[in-house]
C-alpha atoms as a PDB file:
ATOM      1  CA  UNK A   1    -279.481 -37.696  81.749  1.00  0.00           C
ATOM      2  CA  UNK A   2    -275.882 -37.103  80.619  1.00  0.00           C
ATOM      3  CA  UNK A   3    -277.030 -34.185  78.472  1.00  0.00           C
ATOM      4  CA  UNK A   4    -278.834 -32.616  81.425  1.00  0.00           C
ATOM      5  CA  UNK A   5    -275.798 -32.989  83.683  1.00  0.00           C
ATOM      6  CA  UNK A   6    -273.547 -31.504  81.017  1.00  0.00           C
ATOM      7  CA  UNK A   7    -275.900 -28.561  80.536  1.00  0.00           C
ATOM      8  CA  UNK A   8    -275.999 -28.000  84.295  1.00  0.00           C
ATOM      9  CA  UNK A   9    -272.195 -28.099  84.518  1.00  0.00           C
ATOM     10  CA  UNK A  10    -271.893 -25.577  81.688  1.00  0.00           C
ATOM     11  CA  UNK A  11    -274.403 -23.325  83.460  1.00  0.00           C
ATOM     12  CA  UNK A  12    -272.259 -23.385  86.601  1.00  0.00           C
ATOM     13  CA  UNK A  13    -268.974 -22.749  84.776  1.00  0.00           C
ATOM     14  CA  UNK A  14    -270.424 -19.914  82.685  1.00  0.00           C
ATOM     15  CA  UNK A  15    -272.538 -18.466  85.482  1.00  0.00           C
ATOM     16  CA  UNK A  16    -272.977 -14.675  85.123  1.00  0.00           C
ATOM     17  CA  UNK A  17    -271.099 -13.913  88.359  1.00  0.00           C
ATOM     18  CA  UNK A  18    -267.936 -15.473  86.906  1.00  0.00           C
ATOM     19  CA  UNK A  19    -268.045 -13.597  83.589  1.00  0.00           C
ATOM     20  CA  UNK A  20    -266.346 -10.389  84.904  1.00  0.00           C
ATOM     21  CA  UNK A  21    -263.404 -12.411  86.252  1.00  0.00           C
ATOM     22  CA  UNK A  22    -263.080 -14.354  82.986  1.00  0.00           C
ATOM     23  CA  UNK A  23    -263.296 -11.097  81.061  1.00  0.00           C
ATOM     24  CA  UNK A  24    -260.552  -9.370  83.055  1.00  0.00           C
ATOM     25  CA  UNK A  25    -258.238 -12.329  82.412  1.00  0.00           C
ATOM     26  CA  UNK A  26    -259.129 -12.381  78.719  1.00  0.00           C
ATOM     27  CA  UNK A  27    -258.499  -8.652  78.386  1.00  0.00           C
ATOM     28  CA  UNK A  28    -255.133  -9.071  80.097  1.00  0.00           C
ATOM     29  CA  UNK A  29    -253.917 -11.443  77.421  1.00  0.00           C
ATOM     30  CA  UNK A  30    -255.896 -10.531  74.316  1.00  0.00           C
ATOM     31  CA  UNK A  31    -256.950  -6.862  74.308  1.00  0.00           C
ATOM     32  CA  UNK A  32    -254.832  -4.123  72.707  1.00  0.00           C
ATOM     33  CA  UNK A  33    -252.306  -3.653  75.480  1.00  0.00           C
ATOM     34  CA  UNK A  34    -252.225   0.158  75.673  1.00  0.00           C
ATOM     35  CA  UNK A  35    -255.937   0.129  76.452  1.00  0.00           C
ATOM     36  CA  UNK A  36    -255.774  -2.005  79.515  1.00  0.00           C
ATOM     37  CA  UNK A  37    -252.972  -3.538  81.485  1.00  0.00           C
ATOM     38  CA  UNK A  38    -249.718  -2.637  79.746  1.00  0.00           C
ATOM     39  CA  UNK A  39    -248.761  -0.278  82.580  1.00  0.00           C
ATOM     40  CA  UNK A  40    -249.783  -2.649  85.372  1.00  0.00           C
ATOM     41  CA  UNK A  41    -247.201  -4.748  87.113  1.00  0.00           C
ATOM     42  CA  UNK A  42    -248.100  -8.298  88.197  1.00  0.00           C
ATOM     43  CA  UNK A  43    -249.005  -7.222  91.736  1.00  0.00           C
ATOM     44  CA  UNK A  44    -251.310  -4.430  90.601  1.00  0.00           C
ATOM     45  CA  UNK A  45    -253.066  -6.669  88.105  1.00  0.00           C
ATOM     46  CA  UNK A  46    -253.462  -9.377  90.760  1.00  0.00           C
ATOM     47  CA  UNK A  47    -255.045  -6.783  93.062  1.00  0.00           C
ATOM     48  CA  UNK A  48    -257.463  -5.798  90.274  1.00  0.00           C
ATOM     49  CA  UNK A  49    -258.320  -9.425  89.587  1.00  0.00           C
ATOM     50  CA  UNK A  50    -258.913 -10.213  93.253  1.00  0.00           C
ATOM     51  CA  UNK A  51    -261.088  -7.108  93.587  1.00  0.00           C
ATOM     52  CA  UNK A  52    -263.118  -8.331  90.615  1.00  0.00           C
ATOM     53  CA  UNK A  53    -263.511 -11.849  91.999  1.00  0.00           C
ATOM     54  CA  UNK A  54    -264.468 -10.588  95.448  1.00  0.00           C
ATOM     55  CA  UNK A  55    -267.045  -7.970  94.498  1.00  0.00           C
ATOM     56  CA  UNK A  56    -268.581  -9.529  91.376  1.00  0.00           C
ATOM     57  CA  UNK A  57    -268.497 -13.225  92.305  1.00  0.00           C
ATOM     58  CA  UNK A  58    -267.893 -14.024  95.979  1.00  0.00           C
ATOM     59  CA  UNK A  59    -270.082 -11.312  97.548  1.00  0.00           C
ATOM     60  CA  UNK A  60    -273.050 -11.830  95.161  1.00  0.00           C
ATOM     61  CA  UNK A  61    -272.866 -15.594  95.769  1.00  0.00           C
ATOM     62  CA  UNK A  62    -272.786 -15.031  99.521  1.00  0.00           C
ATOM     63  CA  UNK A  63    -275.787 -12.739  99.175  1.00  0.00           C
ATOM     64  CA  UNK A  64    -277.711 -15.455  97.330  1.00  0.00           C
ATOM     65  CA  UNK A  65    -276.720 -17.959 100.019  1.00  0.00           C
ATOM     66  CA  UNK A  66    -277.952 -15.561 102.703  1.00  0.00           C
ATOM     67  CA  UNK A  67    -281.226 -15.132 100.835  1.00  0.00           C
ATOM     68  CA  UNK A  68    -281.576 -18.905 100.756  1.00  0.00           C
ATOM     69  CA  UNK A  69    -280.830 -19.276 104.459  1.00  0.00           C
ATOM     70  CA  UNK A  70    -283.394 -16.587 105.260  1.00  0.00           C
ATOM     71  CA  UNK A  71    -285.893 -18.441 103.047  1.00  0.00           C
ATOM     72  CA  UNK A  72    -286.370 -15.520 100.674  1.00  0.00           C
ATOM     73  CA  UNK A  73    -285.508 -17.876  97.797  1.00  0.00           C
ATOM     74  CA  UNK A  74    -286.208 -21.575  97.340  1.00  0.00           C
ATOM     75  CA  UNK A  75    -282.979 -22.587  95.614  1.00  0.00           C
ATOM     76  CA  UNK A  76    -279.715 -21.165  94.328  1.00  0.00           C
ATOM     77  CA  UNK A  77    -280.732 -21.327  90.652  1.00  0.00           C
ATOM     78  CA  UNK A  78    -283.345 -18.555  91.049  1.00  0.00           C
ATOM     79  CA  UNK A  79    -285.673 -20.306  88.631  1.00  0.00           C
ATOM     80  CA  UNK A  80    -288.604 -18.466  90.158  1.00  0.00           C
ATOM     81  CA  UNK A  81    -288.802 -15.071  88.444  1.00  0.00           C
ATOM     82  CA  UNK A  82    -290.181 -13.424  91.583  1.00  0.00           C
ATOM     83  CA  UNK A  83    -286.990 -14.282  93.485  1.00  0.00           C
ATOM     84  CA  UNK A  84    -284.658 -12.478  91.099  1.00  0.00           C
ATOM     85  CA  UNK A  85    -285.230  -8.703  91.531  1.00  0.00           C
ATOM     86  CA  UNK A  86    -283.501  -8.369  94.910  1.00  0.00           C
ATOM     87  CA  UNK A  87    -280.460 -10.287  93.657  1.00  0.00           C
ATOM     88  CA  UNK A  88    -280.286  -8.214  90.465  1.00  0.00           C
ATOM     89  CA  UNK A  89    -280.392  -4.936  92.383  1.00  0.00           C
ATOM     90  CA  UNK A  90    -277.773  -6.035  94.900  1.00  0.00           C
ATOM     91  CA  UNK A  91    -275.427  -7.317  92.199  1.00  0.00           C
ATOM     92  CA  UNK A  92    -275.762  -4.272  89.954  1.00  0.00           C
ATOM     93  CA  UNK A  93    -275.075  -2.014  92.941  1.00  0.00           C
ATOM     94  CA  UNK A  94    -271.787  -3.793  93.578  1.00  0.00           C
ATOM     95  CA  UNK A  95    -270.839  -3.551  89.902  1.00  0.00           C
ATOM     96  CA  UNK A  96    -271.490   0.197  89.936  1.00  0.00           C
ATOM     97  CA  UNK A  97    -269.504   0.505  93.182  1.00  0.00           C
ATOM     98  CA  UNK A  98    -266.500  -1.343  91.728  1.00  0.00           C
ATOM     99  CA  UNK A  99    -266.657   0.832  88.592  1.00  0.00           C
ATOM    100  CA  UNK A 100    -266.730   4.020  90.686  1.00  0.00           C
ATOM    101  CA  UNK A 101    -263.816   2.839  92.811  1.00  0.00           C
ATOM    102  CA  UNK A 102    -261.701   1.925  89.759  1.00  0.00           C
ATOM    103  CA  UNK A 103    -262.437   5.190  87.981  1.00  0.00           C
ATOM    104  CA  UNK A 104    -261.446   7.131  91.092  1.00  0.00           C
ATOM    105  CA  UNK A 105    -258.083   5.351  91.177  1.00  0.00           C
ATOM    106  CA  UNK A 106    -256.870   6.868  87.924  1.00  0.00           C
ATOM    107  CA  UNK A 107    -256.958   6.643  84.145  1.00  0.00           C
ATOM    108  CA  UNK A 108    -255.143   3.303  84.034  1.00  0.00           C
ATOM    109  CA  UNK A 109    -258.275   1.714  85.502  1.00  0.00           C
ATOM    110  CA  UNK A 110    -260.775   3.710  83.445  1.00  0.00           C
ATOM    111  CA  UNK A 111    -261.298   1.170  80.621  1.00  0.00           C
ATOM    112  CA  UNK A 112    -262.070  -1.546  83.151  1.00  0.00           C
ATOM    113  CA  UNK A 113    -264.427   0.843  84.982  1.00  0.00           C
ATOM    114  CA  UNK A 114    -266.321   1.483  81.727  1.00  0.00           C
ATOM    115  CA  UNK A 115    -266.773  -2.236  81.195  1.00  0.00           C
ATOM    116  CA  UNK A 116    -268.062  -2.702  84.732  1.00  0.00           C
ATOM    117  CA  UNK A 117    -270.586   0.097  84.214  1.00  0.00           C
ATOM    118  CA  UNK A 118    -271.748  -1.673  81.048  1.00  0.00           C
ATOM    119  CA  UNK A 119    -272.218  -4.868  83.039  1.00  0.00           C
ATOM    120  CA  UNK A 120    -274.106  -2.997  85.762  1.00  0.00           C
ATOM    121  CA  UNK A 121    -276.415  -1.513  83.126  1.00  0.00           C
ATOM    122  CA  UNK A 122    -276.881  -5.014  81.723  1.00  0.00           C
ATOM    123  CA  UNK A 123    -277.983  -6.343  85.116  1.00  0.00           C
ATOM    124  CA  UNK A 124    -280.201  -3.327  85.778  1.00  0.00           C
ATOM    125  CA  UNK A 125    -281.921  -3.943  82.463  1.00  0.00           C
ATOM    126  CA  UNK A 126    -282.480  -7.566  83.424  1.00  0.00           C
ATOM    127  CA  UNK A 127    -284.026  -6.331  86.658  1.00  0.00           C
ATOM    128  CA  UNK A 128    -286.538  -4.191  84.737  1.00  0.00           C
ATOM    129  CA  UNK A 129    -287.288  -6.855  82.125  1.00  0.00           C
ATOM    130  CA  UNK A 130    -287.758  -9.450  84.850  1.00  0.00           C
ATOM    131  CA  UNK A 131    -291.116  -7.836  85.685  1.00  0.00           C
ATOM    132  CA  UNK A 132    -292.303  -8.900  82.231  1.00  0.00           C
ATOM    133  CA  UNK A 133    -290.310 -12.022  81.376  1.00  0.00           C
ATOM    134  CA  UNK A 134    -287.533 -14.243  82.751  1.00  0.00           C
ATOM    135  CA  UNK A 135    -284.707 -13.191  80.433  1.00  0.00           C
ATOM    136  CA  UNK A 136    -281.597 -15.384  80.536  1.00  0.00           C
ATOM    137  CA  UNK A 137    -278.902 -13.751  82.670  1.00  0.00           C
ATOM    138  CA  UNK A 138    -276.442 -16.475  81.631  1.00  0.00           C
ATOM    139  CA  UNK A 139    -276.779 -15.630  77.946  1.00  0.00           C
ATOM    140  CA  UNK A 140    -276.885 -11.895  78.614  1.00  0.00           C
ATOM    141  CA  UNK A 141    -273.658 -12.077  80.614  1.00  0.00           C
ATOM    142  CA  UNK A 142    -271.591 -13.961  78.042  1.00  0.00           C
ATOM    143  CA  UNK A 143    -273.091 -11.882  75.209  1.00  0.00           C
ATOM    144  CA  UNK A 144    -271.958  -8.769  77.082  1.00  0.00           C
ATOM    145  CA  UNK A 145    -268.396 -10.090  76.923  1.00  0.00           C
ATOM    146  CA  UNK A 146    -268.877 -10.682  73.194  1.00  0.00           C
ATOM    147  CA  UNK A 147    -270.039  -7.081  72.805  1.00  0.00           C
ATOM    148  CA  UNK A 148    -266.946  -5.798  74.634  1.00  0.00           C
ATOM    149  CA  UNK A 149    -264.547  -7.640  72.343  1.00  0.00           C
ATOM    150  CA  UNK A 150    -266.547  -6.780  69.215  1.00  0.00           C
ATOM    151  CA  UNK A 151    -266.443  -3.075  70.121  1.00  0.00           C
ATOM    152  CA  UNK A 152    -262.704  -3.221  70.781  1.00  0.00           C
ATOM    153  CA  UNK A 153    -262.139  -4.806  67.396  1.00  0.00           C
ATOM    154  CA  UNK A 154    -264.432  -2.329  65.657  1.00  0.00           C
ATOM    155  CA  UNK A 155    -262.683   0.645  67.263  1.00  0.00           C
ATOM    156  CA  UNK A 156    -259.063  -0.473  67.092  1.00  0.00           C
ATOM    157  CA  UNK A 157    -258.930  -3.168  64.414  1.00  0.00           C
ATOM    158  CA  UNK A 158    -256.569  -5.412  66.366  1.00  0.00           C
ATOM    159  CA  UNK A 159    -256.650  -8.802  64.630  1.00  0.00           C
ATOM    160  CA  UNK A 160    -255.559 -10.522  67.861  1.00  0.00           C
ATOM    161  CA  UNK A 161    -259.132 -10.037  69.044  1.00  0.00           C
ATOM    162  CA  UNK A 162    -260.674 -12.153  66.267  1.00  0.00           C
ATOM    163  CA  UNK A 163    -259.959 -15.580  67.845  1.00  0.00           C
ATOM    164  CA  UNK A 164    -261.387 -14.347  71.164  1.00  0.00           C
ATOM    165  CA  UNK A 165    -264.536 -13.083  69.433  1.00  0.00           C
ATOM    166  CA  UNK A 166    -265.029 -16.434  67.694  1.00  0.00           C
ATOM    167  CA  UNK A 167    -264.471 -18.371  70.930  1.00  0.00           C
ATOM    168  CA  UNK A 168    -266.944 -16.220  72.869  1.00  0.00           C
ATOM    169  CA  UNK A 169    -269.464 -16.556  70.037  1.00  0.00           C
ATOM    170  CA  UNK A 170    -269.214 -20.334  70.361  1.00  0.00           C
ATOM    171  CA  UNK A 171    -269.662 -20.009  74.142  1.00  0.00           C
ATOM    172  CA  UNK A 172    -272.806 -17.950  73.573  1.00  0.00           C
ATOM    173  CA  UNK A 173    -274.187 -20.826  71.501  1.00  0.00           C
ATOM    174  CA  UNK A 174    -273.155 -23.403  74.099  1.00  0.00           C
ATOM    175  CA  UNK A 175    -274.679 -21.645  77.111  1.00  0.00           C
ATOM    176  CA  UNK A 176    -277.818 -20.786  75.127  1.00  0.00           C
ATOM    177  CA  UNK A 177    -278.250 -24.459  74.258  1.00  0.00           C
ATOM    178  CA  UNK A 178    -277.590 -25.473  77.862  1.00  0.00           C
ATOM    179  CA  UNK A 179    -280.271 -23.142  79.208  1.00  0.00           C
ATOM    180  CA  UNK A 180    -282.779 -24.432  76.652  1.00  0.00           C
ATOM    181  CA  UNK A 181    -281.920 -28.076  77.429  1.00  0.00           C
ATOM    182  CA  UNK A 182    -282.462 -27.468  81.142  1.00  0.00           C
ATOM    183  CA  UNK A 183    -285.792 -25.810  80.419  1.00  0.00           C
ATOM    184  CA  UNK A 184    -284.658 -22.750  82.370  1.00  0.00           C
ATOM    185  CA  UNK A 185    -285.661 -20.443  79.505  1.00  0.00           C
ATOM    186  CA  UNK A 186    -287.460 -20.510  76.203  1.00  0.00           C
ATOM    187  CA  UNK A 187    -285.994 -19.383  72.888  1.00  0.00           C
ATOM    188  CA  UNK A 188    -287.419 -15.854  73.143  1.00  0.00           C
ATOM    189  CA  UNK A 189    -285.860 -15.333  76.574  1.00  0.00           C
ATOM    190  CA  UNK A 190    -282.497 -16.559  75.313  1.00  0.00           C
ATOM    191  CA  UNK A 191    -282.550 -14.356  72.208  1.00  0.00           C
ATOM    192  CA  UNK A 192    -283.535 -11.237  74.154  1.00  0.00           C
ATOM    193  CA  UNK A 193    -280.780 -11.974  76.688  1.00  0.00           C
ATOM    194  CA  UNK A 194    -278.222 -12.317  73.906  1.00  0.00           C
ATOM    195  CA  UNK A 195    -279.270  -9.078  72.205  1.00  0.00           C
ATOM    196  CA  UNK A 196    -279.423  -7.064  75.431  1.00  0.00           C
ATOM    197  CA  UNK A 197    -276.050  -8.320  76.634  1.00  0.00           C
ATOM    198  CA  UNK A 198    -274.354  -7.594  73.313  1.00  0.00           C
ATOM    199  CA  UNK A 199    -275.837  -4.101  73.049  1.00  0.00           C
ATOM    200  CA  UNK A 200    -274.747  -3.080  76.565  1.00  0.00           C
ATOM    201  CA  UNK A 201    -271.243  -4.507  76.172  1.00  0.00           C
ATOM    202  CA  UNK A 202    -270.698  -3.014  72.714  1.00  0.00           C
ATOM    203  CA  UNK A 203    -272.189   0.395  73.505  1.00  0.00           C
ATOM    204  CA  UNK A 204    -270.231   0.872  76.699  1.00  0.00           C
ATOM    205  CA  UNK A 205    -266.865   0.202  75.087  1.00  0.00           C
ATOM    206  CA  UNK A 206    -267.450   1.795  71.693  1.00  0.00           C
ATOM    207  CA  UNK A 207    -269.026   5.059  72.811  1.00  0.00           C
ATOM    208  CA  UNK A 208    -267.675   5.679  76.295  1.00  0.00           C
ATOM    209  CA  UNK A 209    -264.116   4.362  76.404  1.00  0.00           C
ATOM    210  CA  UNK A 210    -262.089   7.558  76.104  1.00  0.00           C
ATOM    211  CA  UNK A 211    -258.869   6.225  74.629  1.00  0.00           C
END
């Protein structure tokens, strides 16, 4: 019982909609500064963070709540695979929209825009795969963050990124275990989620970040 409650709590804390906000904060403190937020004052960074929270967490959660109220879904966990496609499409659309907005605001926001595109591609892939299997969005989300940091380290060799990579790797193991304990996914669905998330996060940063 305690193990189930712990796994459920971990699933809430590391829910995919919160990963972008966690990632922006982590990049603020741990990424090579010239790539991201060195030229941002506190107010500008706060505006970026609030934009991230609003459009990648609050609005998607409100959309899920609306779907629940309209009886399109049975519960907020979206355990039923048939209930996921609409949420995936809506969420990925907002990620693409945020990325477009940031890119249009100038080069200082471009690295963050690239990462958001990678996340949108991640979610779009989950949408397609959902027609065949219920791949873990939780594991895919946190593995995407791992891919981002791994690509940054591979490109720029900043040793300050190593502790972050190790921490995120541990988190991947924790959330994977939590999803298996809850019976939300099987091992295949967790592994595919981890691989897909890592590939999208790594590819986006390594090949498309023009710095």
